[in-house]
């Protein structure tokens, strides 16, 4: 019988979000966190 279950439906979309983030920012996480961090800090100050 198939090994497919409802958890794979949920995990599939979570994996898509994860793999997209890793693709764009995995090598340079500062480009994501640093950008929004600086904007939030400067705006707050």
ModelCIF file with pLDDT and N, C-alpha, C, O atoms, coordinates in Angstrom:
data_MODEL
#
_entry.id   MODEL 
#
_entity.id                         1 
_entity.type                       polymer 
_entity.pdbx_number_of_molecules   1 
#
_entity_poly.entity_id                      1 
_entity_poly.type                           'polypeptide(L)' 
_entity_poly.nstd_linkage                   no 
_entity_poly.nstd_monomer                   no 
_entity_poly.pdbx_seq_one_letter_code       
;(UNK)(UNK)(UNK)(UNK)(UNK)(UNK)(UNK)(UNK)(UNK)(UNK)(UNK)(UNK)(UNK)(UNK)(UNK)(UNK)
(UNK)(UNK)(UNK)(UNK)(UNK)(UNK)(UNK)(UNK)(UNK)(UNK)(UNK)(UNK)(UNK)(UNK)(UNK)(UNK)
(UNK)(UNK)(UNK)(UNK)(UNK)(UNK)(UNK)(UNK)(UNK)(UNK)(UNK)(UNK)(UNK)
;
_entity_poly.pdbx_seq_one_letter_code_can   XXXXXXXXXXXXXXXXXXXXXXXXXXXXXXXXXXXXXXXXXXXXX 
_entity_poly.pdbx_strand_id                 A 
#
loop_
_entity_poly_seq.entity_id 
_entity_poly_seq.num 
_entity_poly_seq.mon_id 
_entity_poly_seq.hetero 
1 1  UNK n 
1 2  UNK n 
1 3  UNK n 
1 4  UNK n 
1 5  UNK n 
1 6  UNK n 
1 7  UNK n 
1 8  UNK n 
1 9  UNK n 
1 10 UNK n 
1 11 UNK n 
1 12 UNK n 
1 13 UNK n 
1 14 UNK n 
1 15 UNK n 
1 16 UNK n 
1 17 UNK n 
1 18 UNK n 
1 19 UNK n 
1 20 UNK n 
1 21 UNK n 
1 22 UNK n 
1 23 UNK n 
1 24 UNK n 
1 25 UNK n 
1 26 UNK n 
1 27 UNK n 
1 28 UNK n 
1 29 UNK n 
1 30 UNK n 
1 31 UNK n 
1 32 UNK n 
1 33 UNK n 
1 34 UNK n 
1 35 UNK n 
1 36 UNK n 
1 37 UNK n 
1 38 UNK n 
1 39 UNK n 
1 40 UNK n 
1 41 UNK n 
1 42 UNK n 
1 43 UNK n 
1 44 UNK n 
1 45 UNK n 
#
_struct_asym.id          A 
_struct_asym.entity_id   1 
#
loop_
_ma_qa_metric.id 
_ma_qa_metric.mode 
_ma_qa_metric.name 
_ma_qa_metric.software_group_id 
_ma_qa_metric.type 
1 global pLDDT . pLDDT 
2 local  pLDDT . pLDDT 
#
_ma_qa_metric_global.metric_id      1 
_ma_qa_metric_global.metric_value   72.78 
_ma_qa_metric_global.model_id       1 
_ma_qa_metric_global.ordinal_id     1 
#
loop_
_ma_qa_metric_local.label_asym_id 
_ma_qa_metric_local.label_comp_id 
_ma_qa_metric_local.label_seq_id 
_ma_qa_metric_local.metric_id 
_ma_qa_metric_local.metric_value 
_ma_qa_metric_local.model_id 
_ma_qa_metric_local.ordinal_id 
A UNK 1  2 63.00 1 1  
A UNK 2  2 62.00 1 2  
A UNK 3  2 56.00 1 3  
A UNK 4  2 55.00 1 4  
A UNK 5  2 55.00 1 5  
A UNK 6  2 56.00 1 6  
A UNK 7  2 61.00 1 7  
A UNK 8  2 61.00 1 8  
A UNK 9  2 61.00 1 9  
A UNK 10 2 68.00 1 10 
A UNK 11 2 66.00 1 11 
A UNK 12 2 65.00 1 12 
A UNK 13 2 68.00 1 13 
A UNK 14 2 69.00 1 14 
A UNK 15 2 69.00 1 15 
A UNK 16 2 69.00 1 16 
A UNK 17 2 71.00 1 17 
A UNK 18 2 70.00 1 18 
A UNK 19 2 69.00 1 19 
A UNK 20 2 70.00 1 20 
A UNK 21 2 72.00 1 21 
A UNK 22 2 69.00 1 22 
A UNK 23 2 68.00 1 23 
A UNK 24 2 69.00 1 24 
A UNK 25 2 70.00 1 25 
A UNK 26 2 66.00 1 26 
A UNK 27 2 66.00 1 27 
A UNK 28 2 71.00 1 28 
A UNK 29 2 74.00 1 29 
A UNK 30 2 75.00 1 30 
A UNK 31 2 75.00 1 31 
A UNK 32 2 78.00 1 32 
A UNK 33 2 81.00 1 33 
A UNK 34 2 81.00 1 34 
A UNK 35 2 82.00 1 35 
A UNK 36 2 85.00 1 36 
A UNK 37 2 87.00 1 37 
A UNK 38 2 88.00 1 38 
A UNK 39 2 89.00 1 39 
A UNK 40 2 91.00 1 40 
A UNK 41 2 90.00 1 41 
A UNK 42 2 91.00 1 42 
A UNK 43 2 91.00 1 43 
A UNK 44 2 91.00 1 44 
A UNK 45 2 91.00 1 45 
#
loop_
_atom_site.group_PDB 
_atom_site.id 
_atom_site.type_symbol 
_atom_site.label_atom_id 
_atom_site.label_alt_id 
_atom_site.label_comp_id 
_atom_site.label_asym_id 
_atom_site.label_entity_id 
_atom_site.label_seq_id 
_atom_site.pdbx_PDB_ins_code 
_atom_site.Cartn_x 
_atom_site.Cartn_y 
_atom_site.Cartn_z 
_atom_site.occupancy 
_atom_site.B_iso_or_equiv 
_atom_site.pdbx_formal_charge 
_atom_site.auth_seq_id 
_atom_site.auth_comp_id 
_atom_site.auth_asym_id 
_atom_site.auth_atom_id 
_atom_site.pdbx_PDB_model_num 
ATOM 1   N N  . UNK A 1 1  ? 0.853  -1.186 0.000  1.00 63.00 ? 1  UNK A N  1 
ATOM 2   C CA . UNK A 1 1  ? 0.000  0.000  0.000  1.00 63.00 ? 1  UNK A CA 1 
ATOM 3   C C  . UNK A 1 1  ? 0.888  1.234  0.000  1.00 63.00 ? 1  UNK A C  1 
ATOM 4   O O  . UNK A 1 1  ? 2.064  1.161  0.356  1.00 63.00 ? 1  UNK A O  1 
ATOM 5   N N  . UNK A 1 2  ? 0.329  2.356  -0.396 1.00 62.00 ? 2  UNK A N  1 
ATOM 6   C CA . UNK A 1 2  ? 1.088  3.600  -0.475 1.00 62.00 ? 2  UNK A CA 1 
ATOM 7   C C  . UNK A 1 2  ? 1.541  4.059  0.898  1.00 62.00 ? 2  UNK A C  1 
ATOM 8   O O  . UNK A 1 2  ? 0.851  3.857  1.897  1.00 62.00 ? 2  UNK A O  1 
ATOM 9   N N  . UNK A 1 3  ? 2.723  4.687  0.933  1.00 56.00 ? 3  UNK A N  1 
ATOM 10  C CA . UNK A 1 3  ? 3.250  5.240  2.189  1.00 56.00 ? 3  UNK A CA 1 
ATOM 11  C C  . UNK A 1 3  ? 2.837  6.697  2.366  1.00 56.00 ? 3  UNK A C  1 
ATOM 12  O O  . UNK A 1 3  ? 3.256  7.350  3.322  1.00 56.00 ? 3  UNK A O  1 
ATOM 13  N N  . UNK A 1 4  ? 2.009  7.215  1.441  1.00 55.00 ? 4  UNK A N  1 
ATOM 14  C CA . UNK A 1 4  ? 1.606  8.619  1.490  1.00 55.00 ? 4  UNK A CA 1 
ATOM 15  C C  . UNK A 1 4  ? 0.573  8.827  2.586  1.00 55.00 ? 4  UNK A C  1 
ATOM 16  O O  . UNK A 1 4  ? -0.385 8.064  2.705  1.00 55.00 ? 4  UNK A O  1 
ATOM 17  N N  . UNK A 1 5  ? 0.778  9.877  3.391  1.00 55.00 ? 5  UNK A N  1 
ATOM 18  C CA . UNK A 1 5  ? -0.167 10.223 4.434  1.00 55.00 ? 5  UNK A CA 1 
ATOM 19  C C  . UNK A 1 5  ? -0.401 11.719 4.466  1.00 55.00 ? 5  UNK A C  1 
ATOM 20  O O  . UNK A 1 5  ? 0.262  12.471 3.752  1.00 55.00 ? 5  UNK A O  1 
ATOM 21  N N  . UNK A 1 6  ? -1.345 12.155 5.292  1.00 56.00 ? 6  UNK A N  1 
ATOM 22  C CA . UNK A 1 6  ? -1.681 13.571 5.356  1.00 56.00 ? 6  UNK A CA 1 
ATOM 23  C C  . UNK A 1 6  ? -0.488 14.399 5.837  1.00 56.00 ? 6  UNK A C  1 
ATOM 24  O O  . UNK A 1 6  ? -0.366 15.575 5.494  1.00 56.00 ? 6  UNK A O  1 
ATOM 25  N N  . UNK A 1 7  ? 0.404  13.772 6.646  1.00 61.00 ? 7  UNK A N  1 
ATOM 26  C CA . UNK A 1 7  ? 1.561  14.527 7.139  1.00 61.00 ? 7  UNK A CA 1 
ATOM 27  C C  . UNK A 1 7  ? 2.483  14.941 5.999  1.00 61.00 ? 7  UNK A C  1 
ATOM 28  O O  . UNK A 1 7  ? 3.160  15.965 6.095  1.00 61.00 ? 7  UNK A O  1 
ATOM 29  N N  . UNK A 1 8  ? 2.518  14.149 4.903  1.00 61.00 ? 8  UNK A N  1 
ATOM 30  C CA . UNK A 1 8  ? 3.361  14.516 3.767  1.00 61.00 ? 8  UNK A CA 1 
ATOM 31  C C  . UNK A 1 8  ? 2.791  15.718 3.029  1.00 61.00 ? 8  UNK A C  1 
ATOM 32  O O  . UNK A 1 8  ? 3.539  16.484 2.422  1.00 61.00 ? 8  UNK A O  1 
ATOM 33  N N  . UNK A 1 9  ? 1.476  15.890 3.075  1.00 61.00 ? 9  UNK A N  1 
ATOM 34  C CA . UNK A 1 9  ? 0.858  17.062 2.456  1.00 61.00 ? 9  UNK A CA 1 
ATOM 35  C C  . UNK A 1 9  ? 1.327  18.328 3.170  1.00 61.00 ? 9  UNK A C  1 
ATOM 36  O O  . UNK A 1 9  ? 1.678  19.322 2.536  1.00 61.00 ? 9  UNK A O  1 
ATOM 37  N N  . UNK A 1 10 ? 1.325  18.270 4.497  1.00 68.00 ? 10 UNK A N  1 
ATOM 38  C CA . UNK A 1 10 ? 1.748  19.427 5.291  1.00 68.00 ? 10 UNK A CA 1 
ATOM 39  C C  . UNK A 1 10 ? 3.254  19.634 5.174  1.00 68.00 ? 10 UNK A C  1 
ATOM 40  O O  . UNK A 1 10 ? 3.723  20.747 4.933  1.00 68.00 ? 10 UNK A O  1 
ATOM 41  N N  . UNK A 1 11 ? 4.011  18.539 5.348  1.00 66.00 ? 11 UNK A N  1 
ATOM 42  C CA . UNK A 1 11 ? 5.466  18.640 5.315  1.00 66.00 ? 11 UNK A CA 1 
ATOM 43  C C  . UNK A 1 11 ? 5.976  19.115 3.962  1.00 66.00 ? 11 UNK A C  1 
ATOM 44  O O  . UNK A 1 11 ? 7.005  19.786 3.878  1.00 66.00 ? 11 UNK A O  1 
ATOM 45  N N  . UNK A 1 12 ? 5.253  18.765 2.910  1.00 65.00 ? 12 UNK A N  1 
ATOM 46  C CA . UNK A 1 12 ? 5.684  19.158 1.576  1.00 65.00 ? 12 UNK A CA 1 
ATOM 47  C C  . UNK A 1 12 ? 5.742  20.668 1.413  1.00 65.00 ? 12 UNK A C  1 
ATOM 48  O O  . UNK A 1 12 ? 6.707  21.201 0.865  1.00 65.00 ? 12 UNK A O  1 
ATOM 49  N N  . UNK A 1 13 ? 4.705  21.364 1.889  1.00 68.00 ? 13 UNK A N  1 
ATOM 50  C CA . UNK A 1 13 ? 4.693  22.819 1.779  1.00 68.00 ? 13 UNK A CA 1 
ATOM 51  C C  . UNK A 1 13 ? 5.720  23.459 2.721  1.00 68.00 ? 13 UNK A C  1 
ATOM 52  O O  . UNK A 1 13 ? 6.338  24.468 2.383  1.00 68.00 ? 13 UNK A O  1 
ATOM 53  N N  . UNK A 1 14 ? 5.894  22.858 3.908  1.00 69.00 ? 14 UNK A N  1 
ATOM 54  C CA . UNK A 1 14 ? 6.919  23.376 4.813  1.00 69.00 ? 14 UNK A CA 1 
ATOM 55  C C  . UNK A 1 14 ? 8.306  23.199 4.202  1.00 69.00 ? 14 UNK A C  1 
ATOM 56  O O  . UNK A 1 14 ? 9.158  24.079 4.319  1.00 69.00 ? 14 UNK A O  1 
ATOM 57  N N  . UNK A 1 15 ? 8.526  22.064 3.551  1.00 69.00 ? 15 UNK A N  1 
ATOM 58  C CA . UNK A 1 15 ? 9.810  21.827 2.886  1.00 69.00 ? 15 UNK A CA 1 
ATOM 59  C C  . UNK A 1 15 ? 10.038 22.818 1.760  1.00 69.00 ? 15 UNK A C  1 
ATOM 60  O O  . UNK A 1 15 ? 11.164 23.264 1.538  1.00 69.00 ? 15 UNK A O  1 
ATOM 61  N N  . UNK A 1 16 ? 8.966  23.165 1.046  1.00 69.00 ? 16 UNK A N  1 
ATOM 62  C CA . UNK A 1 16 ? 9.093  24.137 -0.046 1.00 69.00 ? 16 UNK A CA 1 
ATOM 63  C C  . UNK A 1 16 ? 9.527  25.495 0.493  1.00 69.00 ? 16 UNK A C  1 
ATOM 64  O O  . UNK A 1 16 ? 10.398 26.145 -0.084 1.00 69.00 ? 16 UNK A O  1 
ATOM 65  N N  . UNK A 1 17 ? 8.914  25.930 1.612  1.00 71.00 ? 17 UNK A N  1 
ATOM 66  C CA . UNK A 1 17 ? 9.316  27.192 2.220  1.00 71.00 ? 17 UNK A CA 1 
ATOM 67  C C  . UNK A 1 17 ? 10.765 27.127 2.695  1.00 71.00 ? 17 UNK A C  1 
ATOM 68  O O  . UNK A 1 17 ? 11.534 28.070 2.503  1.00 71.00 ? 17 UNK A O  1 
ATOM 69  N N  . UNK A 1 18 ? 11.130 26.006 3.316  1.00 70.00 ? 18 UNK A N  1 
ATOM 70  C CA . UNK A 1 18 ? 12.486 25.852 3.822  1.00 70.00 ? 18 UNK A CA 1 
ATOM 71  C C  . UNK A 1 18 ? 13.516 25.859 2.708  1.00 70.00 ? 18 UNK A C  1 
ATOM 72  O O  . UNK A 1 18 ? 14.541 26.534 2.805  1.00 70.00 ? 18 UNK A O  1 
ATOM 73  N N  . UNK A 1 19 ? 13.243 25.109 1.652  1.00 69.00 ? 19 UNK A N  1 
ATOM 74  C CA . UNK A 1 19 ? 14.208 24.983 0.569  1.00 69.00 ? 19 UNK A CA 1 
ATOM 75  C C  . UNK A 1 19 ? 14.340 26.293 -0.202 1.00 69.00 ? 19 UNK A C  1 
ATOM 76  O O  . UNK A 1 19 ? 15.412 26.605 -0.719 1.00 69.00 ? 19 UNK A O  1 
ATOM 77  N N  . UNK A 1 20 ? 13.250 27.060 -0.280 1.00 70.00 ? 20 UNK A N  1 
ATOM 78  C CA . UNK A 1 20 ? 13.312 28.365 -0.941 1.00 70.00 ? 20 UNK A CA 1 
ATOM 79  C C  . UNK A 1 20 ? 14.177 29.325 -0.130 1.00 70.00 ? 20 UNK A C  1 
ATOM 80  O O  . UNK A 1 20 ? 14.993 30.057 -0.689 1.00 70.00 ? 20 UNK A O  1 
ATOM 81  N N  . UNK A 1 21 ? 13.995 29.317 1.187  1.00 72.00 ? 21 UNK A N  1 
ATOM 82  C CA . UNK A 1 21 ? 14.795 30.192 2.048  1.00 72.00 ? 21 UNK A CA 1 
ATOM 83  C C  . UNK A 1 21 ? 16.271 29.801 1.994  1.00 72.00 ? 21 UNK A C  1 
ATOM 84  O O  . UNK A 1 21 ? 17.143 30.663 1.879  1.00 72.00 ? 21 UNK A O  1 
ATOM 85  N N  . UNK A 1 22 ? 16.548 28.492 2.078  1.00 69.00 ? 22 UNK A N  1 
ATOM 86  C CA . UNK A 1 22 ? 17.932 28.019 2.054  1.00 69.00 ? 22 UNK A CA 1 
ATOM 87  C C  . UNK A 1 22 ? 18.590 28.370 0.726  1.00 69.00 ? 22 UNK A C  1 
ATOM 88  O O  . UNK A 1 22 ? 19.764 28.737 0.687  1.00 69.00 ? 22 UNK A O  1 
ATOM 89  N N  . UNK A 1 23 ? 17.828 28.256 -0.364 1.00 68.00 ? 23 UNK A N  1 
ATOM 90  C CA . UNK A 1 23 ? 18.362 28.570 -1.685 1.00 68.00 ? 23 UNK A CA 1 
ATOM 91  C C  . UNK A 1 23 ? 18.808 30.028 -1.762 1.00 68.00 ? 23 UNK A C  1 
ATOM 92  O O  . UNK A 1 23 ? 19.890 30.331 -2.265 1.00 68.00 ? 23 UNK A O  1 
ATOM 93  N N  . UNK A 1 24 ? 17.966 30.922 -1.261 1.00 69.00 ? 24 UNK A N  1 
ATOM 94  C CA . UNK A 1 24 ? 18.233 32.350 -1.422 1.00 69.00 ? 24 UNK A CA 1 
ATOM 95  C C  . UNK A 1 24 ? 19.166 32.923 -0.355 1.00 69.00 ? 24 UNK A C  1 
ATOM 96  O O  . UNK A 1 24 ? 19.936 33.846 -0.621 1.00 69.00 ? 24 UNK A O  1 
ATOM 97  N N  . UNK A 1 25 ? 19.087 32.364 0.859  1.00 70.00 ? 25 UNK A N  1 
ATOM 98  C CA . UNK A 1 25 ? 19.843 32.977 1.948  1.00 70.00 ? 25 UNK A CA 1 
ATOM 99  C C  . UNK A 1 25 ? 20.721 32.001 2.725  1.00 70.00 ? 25 UNK A C  1 
ATOM 100 O O  . UNK A 1 25 ? 21.342 32.386 3.715  1.00 70.00 ? 25 UNK A O  1 
ATOM 101 N N  . UNK A 1 26 ? 20.780 30.737 2.286  1.00 66.00 ? 26 UNK A N  1 
ATOM 102 C CA . UNK A 1 26 ? 21.554 29.747 3.036  1.00 66.00 ? 26 UNK A CA 1 
ATOM 103 C C  . UNK A 1 26 ? 23.024 30.082 3.130  1.00 66.00 ? 26 UNK A C  1 
ATOM 104 O O  . UNK A 1 26 ? 23.640 29.857 4.172  1.00 66.00 ? 26 UNK A O  1 
ATOM 105 N N  . UNK A 1 27 ? 23.604 30.617 2.065  1.00 66.00 ? 27 UNK A N  1 
ATOM 106 C CA . UNK A 1 27 ? 25.026 30.965 2.073  1.00 66.00 ? 27 UNK A CA 1 
ATOM 107 C C  . UNK A 1 27 ? 25.282 32.325 2.714  1.00 66.00 ? 27 UNK A C  1 
ATOM 108 O O  . UNK A 1 27 ? 26.374 32.571 3.226  1.00 66.00 ? 27 UNK A O  1 
ATOM 109 N N  . UNK A 1 28 ? 24.293 33.203 2.689  1.00 71.00 ? 28 UNK A N  1 
ATOM 110 C CA . UNK A 1 28 ? 24.459 34.551 3.246  1.00 71.00 ? 28 UNK A CA 1 
ATOM 111 C C  . UNK A 1 28 ? 23.228 34.935 4.061  1.00 71.00 ? 28 UNK A C  1 
ATOM 112 O O  . UNK A 1 28 ? 22.451 35.793 3.641  1.00 71.00 ? 28 UNK A O  1 
ATOM 113 N N  . UNK A 1 29 ? 23.041 34.305 5.228  1.00 74.00 ? 29 UNK A N  1 
ATOM 114 C CA . UNK A 1 29 ? 21.860 34.615 6.045  1.00 74.00 ? 29 UNK A CA 1 
ATOM 115 C C  . UNK A 1 29 ? 21.791 36.072 6.477  1.00 74.00 ? 29 UNK A C  1 
ATOM 116 O O  . UNK A 1 29 ? 20.708 36.579 6.768  1.00 74.00 ? 29 UNK A O  1 
ATOM 117 N N  . UNK A 1 30 ? 22.936 36.752 6.521  1.00 75.00 ? 30 UNK A N  1 
ATOM 118 C CA . UNK A 1 30 ? 22.933 38.156 6.904  1.00 75.00 ? 30 UNK A CA 1 
ATOM 119 C C  . UNK A 1 30 ? 22.142 39.002 5.906  1.00 75.00 ? 30 UNK A C  1 
ATOM 120 O O  . UNK A 1 30 ? 21.601 40.044 6.276  1.00 75.00 ? 30 UNK A O  1 
ATOM 121 N N  . UNK A 1 31 ? 22.068 38.570 4.653  1.00 75.00 ? 31 UNK A N  1 
ATOM 122 C CA . UNK A 1 31 ? 21.324 39.327 3.652  1.00 75.00 ? 31 UNK A CA 1 
ATOM 123 C C  . UNK A 1 31 ? 19.833 39.393 3.996  1.00 75.00 ? 31 UNK A C  1 
ATOM 124 O O  . UNK A 1 31 ? 19.147 40.343 3.618  1.00 75.00 ? 31 UNK A O  1 
ATOM 125 N N  . UNK A 1 32 ? 19.338 38.387 4.710  1.00 78.00 ? 32 UNK A N  1 
ATOM 126 C CA . UNK A 1 32 ? 17.929 38.382 5.114  1.00 78.00 ? 32 UNK A CA 1 
ATOM 127 C C  . UNK A 1 32 ? 17.767 38.982 6.505  1.00 78.00 ? 32 UNK A C  1 
ATOM 128 O O  . UNK A 1 32 ? 17.080 39.987 6.689  1.00 78.00 ? 32 UNK A O  1 
ATOM 129 N N  . UNK A 1 33 ? 18.413 38.348 7.481  1.00 81.00 ? 33 UNK A N  1 
ATOM 130 C CA . UNK A 1 33 ? 18.247 38.793 8.865  1.00 81.00 ? 33 UNK A CA 1 
ATOM 131 C C  . UNK A 1 33 ? 18.832 40.189 9.067  1.00 81.00 ? 33 UNK A C  1 
ATOM 132 O O  . UNK A 1 33 ? 18.255 41.022 9.766  1.00 81.00 ? 33 UNK A O  1 
ATOM 133 N N  . UNK A 1 34 ? 19.990 40.431 8.444  1.00 81.00 ? 34 UNK A N  1 
ATOM 134 C CA . UNK A 1 34 ? 20.638 41.722 8.620  1.00 81.00 ? 34 UNK A CA 1 
ATOM 135 C C  . UNK A 1 34 ? 19.816 42.860 8.044  1.00 81.00 ? 34 UNK A C  1 
ATOM 136 O O  . UNK A 1 34 ? 19.706 43.923 8.655  1.00 81.00 ? 34 UNK A O  1 
ATOM 137 N N  . UNK A 1 35 ? 19.232 42.638 6.855  1.00 82.00 ? 35 UNK A N  1 
ATOM 138 C CA . UNK A 1 35 ? 18.444 43.683 6.212  1.00 82.00 ? 35 UNK A CA 1 
ATOM 139 C C  . UNK A 1 35 ? 17.258 44.092 7.074  1.00 82.00 ? 35 UNK A C  1 
ATOM 140 O O  . UNK A 1 35 ? 17.081 45.270 7.383  1.00 82.00 ? 35 UNK A O  1 
ATOM 141 N N  . UNK A 1 36 ? 16.440 43.100 7.463  1.00 85.00 ? 36 UNK A N  1 
ATOM 142 C CA . UNK A 1 36 ? 15.258 43.414 8.262  1.00 85.00 ? 36 UNK A CA 1 
ATOM 143 C C  . UNK A 1 36 ? 15.641 43.871 9.669  1.00 85.00 ? 36 UNK A C  1 
ATOM 144 O O  . UNK A 1 36 ? 14.953 44.694 10.273 1.00 85.00 ? 36 UNK A O  1 
ATOM 145 N N  . UNK A 1 37 ? 16.748 43.327 10.184 1.00 87.00 ? 37 UNK A N  1 
ATOM 146 C CA . UNK A 1 37 ? 17.208 43.754 11.493 1.00 87.00 ? 37 UNK A CA 1 
ATOM 147 C C  . UNK A 1 37 ? 17.613 45.215 11.511 1.00 87.00 ? 37 UNK A C  1 
ATOM 148 O O  . UNK A 1 37 ? 17.244 45.955 12.423 1.00 87.00 ? 37 UNK A O  1 
ATOM 149 N N  . UNK A 1 38 ? 18.370 45.632 10.509 1.00 88.00 ? 38 UNK A N  1 
ATOM 150 C CA . UNK A 1 38 ? 18.805 47.026 10.429 1.00 88.00 ? 38 UNK A CA 1 
ATOM 151 C C  . UNK A 1 38 ? 17.608 47.947 10.227 1.00 88.00 ? 38 UNK A C  1 
ATOM 152 O O  . UNK A 1 38 ? 17.520 48.999 10.859 1.00 88.00 ? 38 UNK A O  1 
ATOM 153 N N  . UNK A 1 39 ? 16.678 47.553 9.343  1.00 89.00 ? 39 UNK A N  1 
ATOM 154 C CA . UNK A 1 39 ? 15.500 48.388 9.105  1.00 89.00 ? 39 UNK A CA 1 
ATOM 155 C C  . UNK A 1 39 ? 14.676 48.560 10.377 1.00 89.00 ? 39 UNK A C  1 
ATOM 156 O O  . UNK A 1 39 ? 14.231 49.664 10.689 1.00 89.00 ? 39 UNK A O  1 
ATOM 157 N N  . UNK A 1 40 ? 14.472 47.447 11.121 1.00 91.00 ? 40 UNK A N  1 
ATOM 158 C CA . UNK A 1 40 ? 13.688 47.522 12.353 1.00 91.00 ? 40 UNK A CA 1 
ATOM 159 C C  . UNK A 1 40 ? 14.408 48.362 13.406 1.00 91.00 ? 40 UNK A C  1 
ATOM 160 O O  . UNK A 1 40 ? 13.787 49.181 14.085 1.00 91.00 ? 40 UNK A O  1 
ATOM 161 N N  . UNK A 1 41 ? 15.705 48.158 13.537 1.00 90.00 ? 41 UNK A N  1 
ATOM 162 C CA . UNK A 1 41 ? 16.466 48.889 14.553 1.00 90.00 ? 41 UNK A CA 1 
ATOM 163 C C  . UNK A 1 41 ? 16.494 50.389 14.235 1.00 90.00 ? 41 UNK A C  1 
ATOM 164 O O  . UNK A 1 41 ? 16.238 51.221 15.105 1.00 90.00 ? 41 UNK A O  1 
ATOM 165 N N  . UNK A 1 42 ? 16.805 50.718 12.985 1.00 91.00 ? 42 UNK A N  1 
ATOM 166 C CA . UNK A 1 42 ? 16.876 52.136 12.605 1.00 91.00 ? 42 UNK A CA 1 
ATOM 167 C C  . UNK A 1 42 ? 15.506 52.793 12.727 1.00 91.00 ? 42 UNK A C  1 
ATOM 168 O O  . UNK A 1 42 ? 15.395 53.921 13.207 1.00 91.00 ? 42 UNK A O  1 
ATOM 169 N N  . UNK A 1 43 ? 14.454 52.081 12.290 1.00 91.00 ? 43 UNK A N  1 
ATOM 170 C CA . UNK A 1 43 ? 13.106 52.641 12.403 1.00 91.00 ? 43 UNK A CA 1 
ATOM 171 C C  . UNK A 1 43 ? 12.710 52.889 13.844 1.00 91.00 ? 43 UNK A C  1 
ATOM 172 O O  . UNK A 1 43 ? 12.153 53.938 14.167 1.00 91.00 ? 43 UNK A O  1 
ATOM 173 N N  . UNK A 1 44 ? 12.997 51.918 14.724 1.00 91.00 ? 44 UNK A N  1 
ATOM 174 C CA . UNK A 1 44 ? 12.667 52.069 16.133 1.00 91.00 ? 44 UNK A CA 1 
ATOM 175 C C  . UNK A 1 44 ? 13.423 53.206 16.779 1.00 91.00 ? 44 UNK A C  1 
ATOM 176 O O  . UNK A 1 44 ? 12.847 53.993 17.530 1.00 91.00 ? 44 UNK A O  1 
ATOM 177 N N  . UNK A 1 45 ? 14.716 53.299 16.493 1.00 91.00 ? 45 UNK A N  1 
ATOM 178 C CA . UNK A 1 45 ? 15.521 54.367 17.078 1.00 91.00 ? 45 UNK A CA 1 
ATOM 179 C C  . UNK A 1 45 ? 15.095 55.731 16.545 1.00 91.00 ? 45 UNK A C  1 
ATOM 180 O O  . UNK A 1 45 ? 15.666 56.751 16.931 1.00 91.00 ? 45 UNK A O  1 
#
